Each structure stands twice: as C-alpha cells, then as structure tokens.
Amino acid sequence: MNIKLKKIQKIIILMIIITIILSNYLSVYATDEISINAKSAIMVEVNTGKIIYEKNANEQNFPASVTKILTAILVLEKCELNDTAIVSKKSISNIPSGYVVAPLFEGEKISIEDLLYALMLKSANDAAYVLAEHVGGSVDGFSDMMNRKAKEIGCTNTHFVNPNGIHDEEHYTTAYDLYLISKYAMENKTFEKIVSTYEYTLSATNKYVKKDRVMQSTNYFLNPKSKFYNENVKGIKTGTTLQAGNCLITNINKDGFNYISVVLGAKTSDGRFTETQKIINYAFDNYIFSNLNKKGDIIKNIEVDKATKETKNLNLVINDDVTIINNKKINVKEIEPEVILNENIVAPINKGQELGTIKYTVDGLEYSAKLLAENDVELKTYYIEILIGSVIAFCIFIIFVKKRKNNR
C-alpha cells in the first residue's frame, strides 16, 4: 500500500512539474490578441491602412448617432460656416421622446457653424434635421445624398434613412464602413476641429437671446475631468439607442500613429470607452513603425551594357524611406524585398534616372519605392563611333539618292 502511495505521489509531482513547464511555455507563446464584448469593432492605422484589430467588422449594425459624422461632412462640403439656416416646425416636432435636442426654436435663424457644434458635441437631433432640410430640401432628400456620398467613399453595406441615427430598421451600416466615413471626414480640418472640441456655446439668435446653450461633448475622452480623458484623442463621435447599444468612434494620434477605432453595440455607456481603450492599449503595446530602408541606401549594384569601363558598375539607390507598421514579434531583418528592374537597361543613363522598384510585403500590406541611378553612366566610345559612322553612312546614302534623281 505504501509503495502504491509513493508511486501516486511521484505521478502527482511529475504532473505538477509538467503543468508548470507547460504553463510557462504557453505564457511565452500565448497570443496577445484581445477580446471585447461589443457586437463589432475595428481599429485601423490610417496612414498605412493596416487593420490592427477587428471583430465582425462587416456585420450590419444600427449606428445610432455616429450617423452624424456623415451628416456633418456633407454639410461642410455644401455650406459655408457663416451661412444661416431657419428652424422649421417640422424639424423640431418629429423627434421621439428621450432623444437629445439643443434645443432649437421654430423660426430661429442660426449659423451652420453653431448647428454643427450642436450636432457633433451634444449630439442634438433637432440640429441634424435643420441641417438636412437646409442642404437637402428635406430629410428624404438629404438621406439620398448621404447614401450617394457613402458609396463614393467606398461603403458597400450602408443605408441611411435619416441624418441623426434615430432608430429605423432600414438605417444600418458596419464598423468597416464607419471607419471609411470617419477617415474621409477627418481629412477635413474644420470637421477635425469641431469633433476635437469639448465645449462650445451657441450664439444668441432672433428667437433665443441668451448665451447659455452650452454644448458639451458626450465623448468622455475629451473631458479633462473624466477618468477616460486622453490628451491624444481627437474626437470623433458617440452614439446610443436601445437597439444599437453604445457606440463610439475614436481618432487617436500618438508617436506618429494615426488610429481610428470603431466600437458598435457595447453593453454600457462606460463600456464603449473601456473597450476602446483596451483596443488602443493593444495597438500601442504590440505595433511599431520600422524603417527598412532610408533614402539614398544602395539596394543593388548592376553592370550596365554598352557603358564605359569606368561607369559600367552602377549602384541603384532608393528614392525614399521605406517605413512599415509591424507587430513587435516580427523580425524585420528577416523581411526580404522584391527587386524589379526595368527591361533593357543600357548606357547612357543619367544620374537619378528611374531604373526599377523595390517592394516589401508585410502582413498583407505592400510597401514600395523607386530605384534610381546613383550616377551618370556614359556610352562606350566604340558604340559612339558606330553611331557616328551610321549617321555618316546614312547621310552619304541620302546624298547619293538625291544625285541619282538629279541625273535623270
């Protein structure tokens, strides 16, 4: 019995040792992927197009108020900030109970700039309707413009029926399409300024003389007093409905990175910020920029046909830096380039002449640069003599032909 117990003890000890070894091994090689509870999400580095994280990125979802990103950029492209819109009765009377308003008043004359700040900071649904009527003539007309614009941007799974995201079963999009819309919108500096602002006060108008309509951003990343405050965030927009859940689109710029994150259908208001921050942390913890080549680096040496002995050996240099975004796990020294040379490279060649291309493919993304001649390559004298001789022979031939014609 004692012998059996000793054997069992040995087996248990051995299993414990194996478990410890395996756990240590797996901890080293465990995936650093993250998991979030939102329905769908995506994060992309804008400058490179590198997708850092995605979850159901092409799945249809209700967007709630992040719809207003497309509304704002359309208005900016169609109007001047100092243009004036007039608030109609219809624009303020069709908003369901519980949805946010500025508020605006019937007959009020208000600038496009003020309406845009109300739209993007406080997420005022009445401002969205006023802007839609001003630009599109009606909500339906403006919605048609939105759908056309979405297609122009590259969206393939988006259909909007209103300018504010008030719930409708036919009003839907995807995380990826919203990334495309947000990327496009952030290229507009006025849009970027608006969505990066935490607080804005509407001007007095003909219908409201006070200056107490303070629009504060619903984006906690922009609120200096919030636990979620992040000085590197530049907007973009929150959104919430019962059907859509809690949505958040974020632009963050830091250390040369320009990220846009989309989170749709988070379970709580704070949850959308927590999950976005989790994605942001993952990106900065795991991805870096790596320089594979610098401008002027010698990539290849070739021997040029028909060149002089002194210049026939030619260095091909790169015309620009090649910088990639890569997971820190990747050993960039092991990345091999593809060098593609032009056909029939022969003398003479001028310094700086393009003679080929260098390409790197990393994580499905292609990075390329031009290959240039480092110096002039002169044509070998022998070939020059042949060329001169050919020209002389041709001239003699022409003269001979003309003389024959004259003798006839």
Protein backbone atom coordinates (compact mmCIF):
# COMPACT_ATOMS: atom_id res chain seq x y z
CA MET A 1 0.00 0.00 0.00
CA ASN A 2 2.82 2.36 0.92
CA ILE A 3 4.53 1.54 -2.37
CA LYS A 4 1.37 2.40 -4.30
CA LEU A 5 1.02 5.69 -2.41
CA LYS A 6 4.59 6.59 -3.17
CA LYS A 7 4.02 5.87 -6.87
CA ILE A 8 0.88 8.00 -6.86
CA GLN A 9 2.78 10.82 -5.13
CA LYS A 10 5.54 10.63 -7.71
CA ILE A 11 3.00 10.74 -10.55
CA ILE A 12 1.26 13.75 -8.97
CA ILE A 13 4.57 15.58 -8.51
CA LEU A 14 5.55 14.80 -12.10
CA MET A 15 2.22 16.11 -13.39
CA ILE A 16 2.64 19.30 -11.36
CA ILE A 17 6.12 19.83 -12.82
CA ILE A 18 4.85 19.22 -16.37
CA THR A 19 1.94 21.62 -15.77
CA ILE A 20 4.30 24.34 -14.55
CA ILE A 21 6.61 23.88 -17.54
CA LEU A 22 3.71 23.94 -20.00
CA SER A 23 2.13 26.98 -18.38
CA ASN A 24 5.43 28.85 -18.59
CA TYR A 25 5.86 27.79 -22.19
CA LEU A 26 2.35 28.82 -23.14
CA SER A 27 2.69 32.14 -21.34
CA VAL A 28 5.65 32.95 -23.57
CA TYR A 29 3.91 31.95 -26.77
CA ALA A 30 0.34 32.82 -25.84
CA THR A 31 -1.50 35.07 -28.24
CA ASP A 32 -1.66 38.72 -27.30
CA GLU A 33 -5.00 39.13 -29.07
CA ILE A 34 -7.71 40.90 -27.09
CA SER A 35 -11.35 40.14 -26.58
CA ILE A 36 -14.15 42.69 -26.33
CA ASN A 37 -17.86 42.34 -25.63
CA ALA A 38 -19.15 44.86 -28.18
CA LYS A 39 -21.07 43.48 -31.17
CA SER A 40 -18.49 44.65 -33.68
CA ALA A 41 -15.32 46.71 -33.81
CA ILE A 42 -12.35 47.67 -35.91
CA MET A 43 -9.14 49.64 -35.47
CA VAL A 44 -7.07 50.83 -38.43
CA GLU A 45 -3.83 52.78 -38.70
CA VAL A 46 -4.95 55.41 -41.19
CA ASN A 47 -1.63 56.26 -42.86
CA THR A 48 -0.85 52.65 -43.78
CA GLY A 49 -4.33 51.12 -43.89
CA LYS A 50 -3.17 48.40 -41.51
CA ILE A 51 -6.06 46.72 -39.68
CA ILE A 52 -4.85 46.24 -36.11
CA TYR A 53 -7.98 44.66 -34.68
CA GLU A 54 -11.40 43.66 -35.93
CA LYS A 55 -14.47 41.83 -34.73
CA ASN A 56 -17.46 41.32 -37.05
CA ALA A 57 -16.28 44.43 -38.89
CA ASN A 58 -18.52 43.81 -41.91
CA GLU A 59 -21.61 42.79 -39.95
CA GLN A 60 -24.65 45.08 -40.24
CA ASN A 61 -25.43 47.11 -37.13
CA PHE A 62 -27.52 50.10 -36.18
CA PRO A 63 -25.22 53.13 -35.86
CA ALA A 64 -27.28 55.47 -33.64
CA SER A 65 -25.75 58.98 -33.54
CA VAL A 66 -22.42 58.11 -35.14
CA THR A 67 -24.55 58.61 -38.27
CA LYS A 68 -23.98 62.32 -37.69
CA ILE A 69 -20.38 62.04 -38.89
CA LEU A 70 -21.61 61.67 -42.47
CA THR A 71 -24.21 64.40 -41.91
CA ALA A 72 -21.54 66.84 -40.73
CA ILE A 73 -19.08 66.24 -43.55
CA LEU A 74 -21.82 66.55 -46.18
CA VAL A 75 -22.91 69.87 -44.70
CA LEU A 76 -19.34 71.15 -44.59
CA GLU A 77 -18.92 70.31 -48.28
CA LYS A 78 -22.15 72.08 -49.23
CA CYS A 79 -22.20 75.13 -46.94
CA GLU A 80 -20.11 77.95 -45.51
CA LEU A 81 -19.87 78.12 -41.72
CA ASN A 82 -21.41 81.60 -41.62
CA ASP A 83 -24.42 80.57 -43.73
CA THR A 84 -27.75 80.78 -41.89
CA ALA A 85 -30.43 78.13 -41.62
CA ILE A 86 -34.00 78.67 -40.43
CA VAL A 87 -35.52 76.20 -37.99
CA SER A 88 -38.81 74.81 -39.29
CA LYS A 89 -41.63 73.46 -37.15
CA LYS A 90 -41.24 70.04 -38.76
CA SER A 91 -37.54 69.81 -37.90
CA ILE A 92 -38.19 70.12 -34.17
CA SER A 93 -41.53 68.34 -33.84
CA ASN A 94 -40.63 64.90 -35.25
CA ILE A 95 -38.12 63.90 -32.59
CA PRO A 96 -39.23 60.98 -30.38
CA SER A 97 -39.23 61.40 -26.61
CA GLY A 98 -35.91 60.66 -24.98
CA TYR A 99 -33.72 61.78 -27.89
CA VAL A 100 -31.31 64.68 -27.26
CA VAL A 101 -32.05 68.19 -28.57
CA ALA A 102 -30.14 71.53 -28.44
CA PRO A 103 -32.93 72.85 -28.06
CA LEU A 104 -33.79 74.93 -31.13
CA PHE A 105 -36.91 77.04 -31.71
CA GLU A 106 -39.29 77.43 -34.64
CA GLY A 107 -38.31 80.36 -36.85
CA GLU A 108 -34.86 80.62 -35.30
CA LYS A 109 -32.11 81.83 -37.61
CA ILE A 110 -28.90 80.07 -36.67
CA SER A 111 -25.50 79.69 -38.29
CA ILE A 112 -24.32 76.45 -39.87
CA GLU A 113 -21.30 76.57 -37.56
CA ASP A 114 -23.47 76.64 -34.43
CA LEU A 115 -25.64 73.83 -35.77
CA LEU A 116 -22.59 71.67 -36.48
CA TYR A 117 -21.25 72.11 -32.94
CA ALA A 118 -24.69 71.26 -31.53
CA LEU A 119 -24.80 68.23 -33.81
CA MET A 120 -21.36 66.81 -33.05
CA LEU A 121 -20.81 67.78 -29.39
CA LYS A 122 -24.20 67.48 -27.70
CA SER A 123 -25.49 65.16 -30.45
CA ALA A 124 -28.57 67.35 -30.96
CA ASN A 125 -31.11 65.60 -33.16
CA ASP A 126 -33.01 68.79 -33.92
CA ALA A 127 -29.80 70.29 -35.35
CA ALA A 128 -29.49 67.27 -37.66
CA TYR A 129 -32.98 67.79 -39.07
CA VAL A 130 -32.44 71.54 -39.57
CA LEU A 131 -29.18 70.88 -41.44
CA ALA A 132 -30.78 68.14 -43.53
CA GLU A 133 -33.64 70.39 -44.62
CA HIS A 134 -31.24 73.27 -45.33
CA VAL A 135 -28.91 71.21 -47.52
CA GLY A 136 -31.18 68.53 -48.99
CA GLY A 137 -34.53 70.30 -49.03
CA SER A 138 -35.99 67.51 -46.90
CA VAL A 139 -34.88 64.65 -44.69
CA ASP A 140 -35.51 62.18 -47.53
CA GLY A 141 -33.59 64.32 -49.99
CA PHE A 142 -30.66 64.63 -47.62
CA SER A 143 -30.72 60.89 -46.89
CA ASP A 144 -30.37 60.21 -50.61
CA MET A 145 -27.33 62.49 -50.63
CA MET A 146 -25.89 60.60 -47.66
CA ASN A 147 -26.23 57.24 -49.40
CA ARG A 148 -24.64 58.55 -52.59
CA LYS A 149 -21.76 60.01 -50.57
CA ALA A 150 -21.29 56.77 -48.65
CA LYS A 151 -20.91 54.88 -51.94
CA GLU A 152 -18.42 57.47 -53.22
CA ILE A 153 -16.35 56.98 -50.06
CA GLY A 154 -16.32 53.21 -50.66
CA CYS A 155 -19.04 51.95 -48.32
CA THR A 156 -20.71 48.77 -49.57
CA ASN A 157 -23.01 47.85 -46.70
CA THR A 158 -24.52 51.14 -45.56
CA HIS A 159 -28.04 52.56 -45.90
CA PHE A 160 -29.22 55.66 -44.07
CA VAL A 161 -32.78 57.00 -43.91
CA ASN A 162 -32.18 59.99 -41.64
CA PRO A 163 -29.35 62.38 -40.68
CA ASN A 164 -29.18 61.61 -36.96
CA GLY A 165 -29.47 57.86 -36.34
CA ILE A 166 -32.92 57.87 -34.77
CA HIS A 167 -33.75 54.18 -34.92
CA ASP A 168 -35.14 52.71 -38.11
CA GLU A 169 -34.83 49.11 -39.27
CA GLU A 170 -33.65 50.34 -42.69
CA HIS A 171 -30.93 52.52 -41.16
CA TYR A 172 -27.76 50.44 -40.86
CA THR A 173 -24.04 50.26 -41.55
CA THR A 174 -20.92 48.35 -40.50
CA ALA A 175 -17.86 49.06 -38.40
CA TYR A 176 -15.67 48.99 -41.51
CA ASP A 177 -17.91 51.37 -43.46
CA LEU A 178 -17.94 53.75 -40.49
CA TYR A 179 -14.14 53.64 -40.46
CA LEU A 180 -14.14 54.68 -44.13
CA ILE A 181 -16.61 57.52 -43.44
CA SER A 182 -14.63 58.70 -40.41
CA LYS A 183 -11.32 58.57 -42.24
CA TYR A 184 -12.80 60.66 -45.05
CA ALA A 185 -14.35 63.16 -42.64
CA MET A 186 -11.15 63.64 -40.60
CA GLU A 187 -9.34 64.80 -43.73
CA ASN A 188 -11.44 67.97 -43.43
CA LYS A 189 -9.68 70.28 -40.95
CA THR A 190 -12.88 72.07 -39.94
CA PHE A 191 -14.54 68.76 -39.14
CA GLU A 192 -11.48 67.69 -37.14
CA LYS A 193 -11.57 70.95 -35.17
CA ILE A 194 -15.26 70.55 -34.33
CA VAL A 195 -15.09 66.94 -33.15
CA SER A 196 -11.93 67.65 -31.13
CA THR A 197 -13.70 70.38 -29.14
CA TYR A 198 -15.06 69.58 -25.69
CA GLU A 199 -17.26 72.63 -25.09
CA TYR A 200 -18.93 75.27 -27.27
CA THR A 201 -21.56 77.94 -26.57
CA LEU A 202 -24.22 78.73 -29.16
CA SER A 203 -24.61 82.35 -30.17
CA ALA A 204 -27.71 84.41 -29.33
CA THR A 205 -30.33 84.40 -32.09
CA ASN A 206 -33.56 86.12 -33.06
CA LYS A 207 -35.51 83.54 -31.04
CA TYR A 208 -33.12 82.96 -28.14
CA VAL A 209 -31.21 85.97 -26.84
CA LYS A 210 -29.36 84.23 -24.01
CA LYS A 211 -25.91 82.69 -24.39
CA ASP A 212 -26.48 79.78 -22.08
CA ARG A 213 -26.88 76.97 -24.57
CA VAL A 214 -23.60 75.26 -23.77
CA MET A 215 -22.81 72.24 -25.93
CA GLN A 216 -20.55 69.78 -24.12
CA SER A 217 -19.14 66.77 -25.91
CA THR A 218 -20.58 63.39 -24.98
CA ASN A 219 -17.10 61.95 -25.67
CA TYR A 220 -15.51 61.28 -22.26
CA PHE A 221 -12.09 61.01 -23.90
CA LEU A 222 -12.27 64.79 -24.44
CA ASN A 223 -13.45 65.68 -20.92
CA PRO A 224 -10.49 66.73 -18.75
CA LYS A 225 -12.48 65.80 -15.62
CA SER A 226 -13.34 62.30 -16.83
CA LYS A 227 -11.46 59.16 -15.79
CA PHE A 228 -11.37 58.34 -19.50
CA TYR A 229 -9.69 61.61 -20.55
CA ASN A 230 -6.98 61.08 -23.16
CA GLU A 231 -4.99 64.05 -24.42
CA ASN A 232 -4.12 62.22 -27.64
CA VAL A 233 -7.74 61.74 -28.75
CA LYS A 234 -9.24 63.92 -31.50
CA GLY A 235 -12.94 63.07 -31.33
CA ILE A 236 -14.90 61.64 -33.05
CA LYS A 237 -18.46 60.67 -32.01
CA THR A 238 -20.62 58.73 -29.60
CA GLY A 239 -23.99 57.13 -30.28
CA THR A 240 -26.62 55.37 -28.21
CA THR A 241 -30.03 53.83 -28.80
CA LEU A 242 -31.71 50.84 -27.23
CA GLN A 243 -31.39 48.90 -30.48
CA ALA A 244 -27.84 49.99 -31.39
CA GLY A 245 -26.39 49.76 -27.92
CA ASN A 246 -23.49 52.06 -27.05
CA CYS A 247 -21.28 53.14 -29.95
CA LEU A 248 -18.06 55.12 -30.15
CA ILE A 249 -15.74 56.19 -32.95
CA THR A 250 -12.34 57.48 -31.85
CA ASN A 251 -9.36 59.09 -33.54
CA ILE A 252 -6.09 58.94 -31.63
CA ASN A 253 -2.74 60.42 -32.67
CA LYS A 254 0.44 59.49 -30.83
CA ASP A 255 4.08 58.72 -31.68
CA GLY A 256 3.41 59.08 -35.40
CA PHE A 257 0.44 56.69 -35.34
CA ASN A 258 -2.95 57.83 -36.59
CA TYR A 259 -5.58 55.34 -35.46
CA ILE A 260 -9.33 55.27 -35.98
CA SER A 261 -11.27 52.90 -33.76
CA VAL A 262 -14.94 51.92 -34.21
CA VAL A 263 -16.86 50.14 -31.44
CA LEU A 264 -20.53 49.28 -32.01
CA GLY A 265 -23.01 47.72 -29.63
CA ALA A 266 -21.14 47.94 -26.32
CA LYS A 267 -23.32 46.94 -23.37
CA THR A 268 -22.89 50.13 -21.32
CA SER A 269 -22.02 53.78 -21.85
CA ASP A 270 -18.74 53.39 -19.96
CA GLY A 271 -18.18 50.05 -21.68
CA ARG A 272 -17.66 51.65 -25.09
CA PHE A 273 -14.82 53.75 -23.62
CA THR A 274 -13.33 50.84 -21.68
CA GLU A 275 -13.34 48.59 -24.72
CA THR A 276 -11.98 51.32 -26.99
CA GLN A 277 -9.17 51.97 -24.51
CA LYS A 278 -8.44 48.25 -24.46
CA ILE A 279 -8.05 48.30 -28.27
CA ILE A 280 -5.90 51.45 -28.08
CA ASN A 281 -3.62 49.87 -25.48
CA TYR A 282 -3.32 46.73 -27.56
CA ALA A 283 -2.27 48.75 -30.61
CA PHE A 284 0.42 50.73 -28.80
CA ASP A 285 1.67 47.70 -26.86
CA ASN A 286 2.07 45.49 -29.91
CA TYR A 287 2.75 47.60 -33.01
CA ILE A 288 5.67 49.79 -34.01
CA PHE A 289 6.98 51.58 -37.06
CA SER A 290 10.13 50.01 -38.51
CA ASN A 291 12.41 51.60 -41.08
CA LEU A 292 13.53 49.02 -43.65
CA ASN A 293 15.46 51.42 -45.87
CA LYS A 294 16.48 55.03 -45.84
CA LYS A 295 16.51 57.40 -48.77
CA GLY A 296 19.81 57.03 -50.63
CA ASP A 297 20.55 53.49 -49.43
CA ILE A 298 22.31 51.34 -52.04
CA ILE A 299 19.99 48.45 -52.86
CA LYS A 300 21.78 46.74 -55.73
CA ASN A 301 24.81 47.04 -58.00
CA ILE A 302 24.37 46.22 -61.67
CA GLU A 303 26.61 46.12 -64.73
CA VAL A 304 25.27 48.33 -67.49
CA ASP A 305 25.55 47.16 -71.08
CA LYS A 306 27.29 49.41 -73.63
CA ALA A 307 28.80 51.53 -70.85
CA THR A 308 32.37 52.71 -70.42
CA LYS A 309 34.66 50.68 -68.21
CA GLU A 310 34.74 53.47 -65.63
CA THR A 311 30.95 53.83 -65.30
CA LYS A 312 29.52 50.39 -66.16
CA ASN A 313 29.21 49.30 -62.49
CA LEU A 314 26.17 51.24 -61.28
CA ASN A 315 24.66 51.46 -57.81
CA LEU A 316 20.88 51.62 -57.60
CA VAL A 317 19.73 53.75 -54.68
CA ILE A 318 16.30 54.12 -53.10
CA ASN A 319 14.40 57.35 -53.69
CA ASP A 320 12.63 57.47 -50.31
CA ASP A 321 12.44 55.91 -46.86
CA VAL A 322 10.54 52.64 -46.59
CA THR A 323 8.77 52.57 -43.25
CA ILE A 324 6.36 49.80 -42.28
CA ILE A 325 3.96 49.18 -39.42
CA ASN A 326 4.52 45.79 -37.88
CA ASN A 327 3.84 43.64 -34.88
CA LYS A 328 6.77 43.72 -32.49
CA LYS A 329 7.03 39.93 -32.81
CA ILE A 330 8.15 40.23 -36.43
CA ASN A 331 11.90 40.22 -37.01
CA VAL A 332 12.19 42.91 -39.66
CA LYS A 333 15.73 41.82 -40.50
CA GLU A 334 14.27 38.65 -41.99
CA ILE A 335 11.95 40.52 -44.37
CA GLU A 336 13.24 40.05 -47.91
CA PRO A 337 12.45 42.61 -50.60
CA GLU A 338 11.45 42.01 -54.19
CA VAL A 339 13.65 43.99 -56.58
CA ILE A 340 12.13 44.60 -60.02
CA LEU A 341 14.42 46.14 -62.67
CA ASN A 342 13.37 47.81 -65.88
CA GLU A 343 13.99 45.90 -69.10
CA ASN A 344 16.89 46.80 -71.40
CA ILE A 345 18.97 48.92 -69.04
CA VAL A 346 21.73 50.25 -71.32
CA ALA A 347 24.02 53.27 -71.45
CA PRO A 348 23.76 56.19 -71.49
CA ILE A 349 21.99 56.72 -68.14
CA ASN A 350 21.51 59.96 -66.25
CA LYS A 351 22.03 60.29 -62.51
CA GLY A 352 18.65 59.95 -60.76
CA GLN A 353 17.05 58.08 -63.65
CA GLU A 354 14.43 55.57 -62.50
CA LEU A 355 15.56 52.03 -63.25
CA GLY A 356 13.34 49.83 -61.11
CA THR A 357 11.31 49.26 -57.97
CA ILE A 358 11.82 47.68 -54.57
CA LYS A 359 8.79 46.11 -52.84
CA TYR A 360 8.18 44.70 -49.38
CA THR A 361 5.08 42.73 -48.39
CA VAL A 362 4.41 42.66 -44.65
CA ASP A 363 1.18 41.38 -43.06
CA GLY A 364 -0.63 41.67 -46.36
CA LEU A 365 0.41 45.28 -46.97
CA GLU A 366 2.74 46.31 -49.79
CA TYR A 367 5.39 48.99 -49.37
CA SER A 368 7.42 50.16 -52.35
CA ALA A 369 9.92 52.75 -53.53
CA LYS A 370 11.77 53.63 -56.73
CA LEU A 371 15.31 52.61 -57.57
CA LEU A 372 17.42 55.38 -59.10
CA ALA A 373 20.81 55.57 -60.79
CA GLU A 374 23.38 56.83 -58.29
CA ASN A 375 25.48 58.49 -61.03
CA ASP A 376 25.73 59.08 -64.77
CA VAL A 377 26.62 56.12 -66.99
CA GLU A 378 28.47 57.03 -70.18
CA LEU A 379 28.13 55.28 -73.50
CA LYS A 380 31.22 53.31 -74.55
CA THR A 381 33.29 55.08 -77.24
CA TYR A 382 33.06 52.07 -79.54
CA TYR A 383 29.33 52.43 -79.66
CA ILE A 384 29.60 56.16 -80.16
CA GLU A 385 31.86 55.56 -83.16
CA ILE A 386 29.39 53.08 -84.59
CA LEU A 387 26.61 55.58 -84.06
CA ILE A 388 28.57 58.37 -85.75
CA GLY A 389 29.52 56.03 -88.59
CA SER A 390 25.90 55.04 -89.06
CA VAL A 391 24.83 58.67 -89.21
CA ILE A 392 27.58 59.47 -91.76
CA ALA A 393 26.64 56.44 -93.85
CA PHE A 394 23.01 57.45 -93.77
CA CYS A 395 23.87 60.99 -94.89
CA ILE A 396 26.02 59.67 -97.75
CA PHE A 397 23.17 57.43 -98.81
CA ILE A 398 20.74 60.37 -98.87
CA ILE A 399 23.17 62.44 -100.93
CA PHE A 400 23.67 59.54 -103.36
CA VAL A 401 19.93 59.12 -103.81
CA LYS A 402 19.44 62.81 -104.48
CA LYS A 403 22.22 62.86 -107.07
CA ARG A 404 20.67 59.92 -108.91
CA LYS A 405 17.39 61.75 -109.05
CA ASN A 406 19.06 64.89 -110.38
CA ASN A 407 20.91 62.93 -113.12
CA ARG A 408 17.66 61.53 -114.53
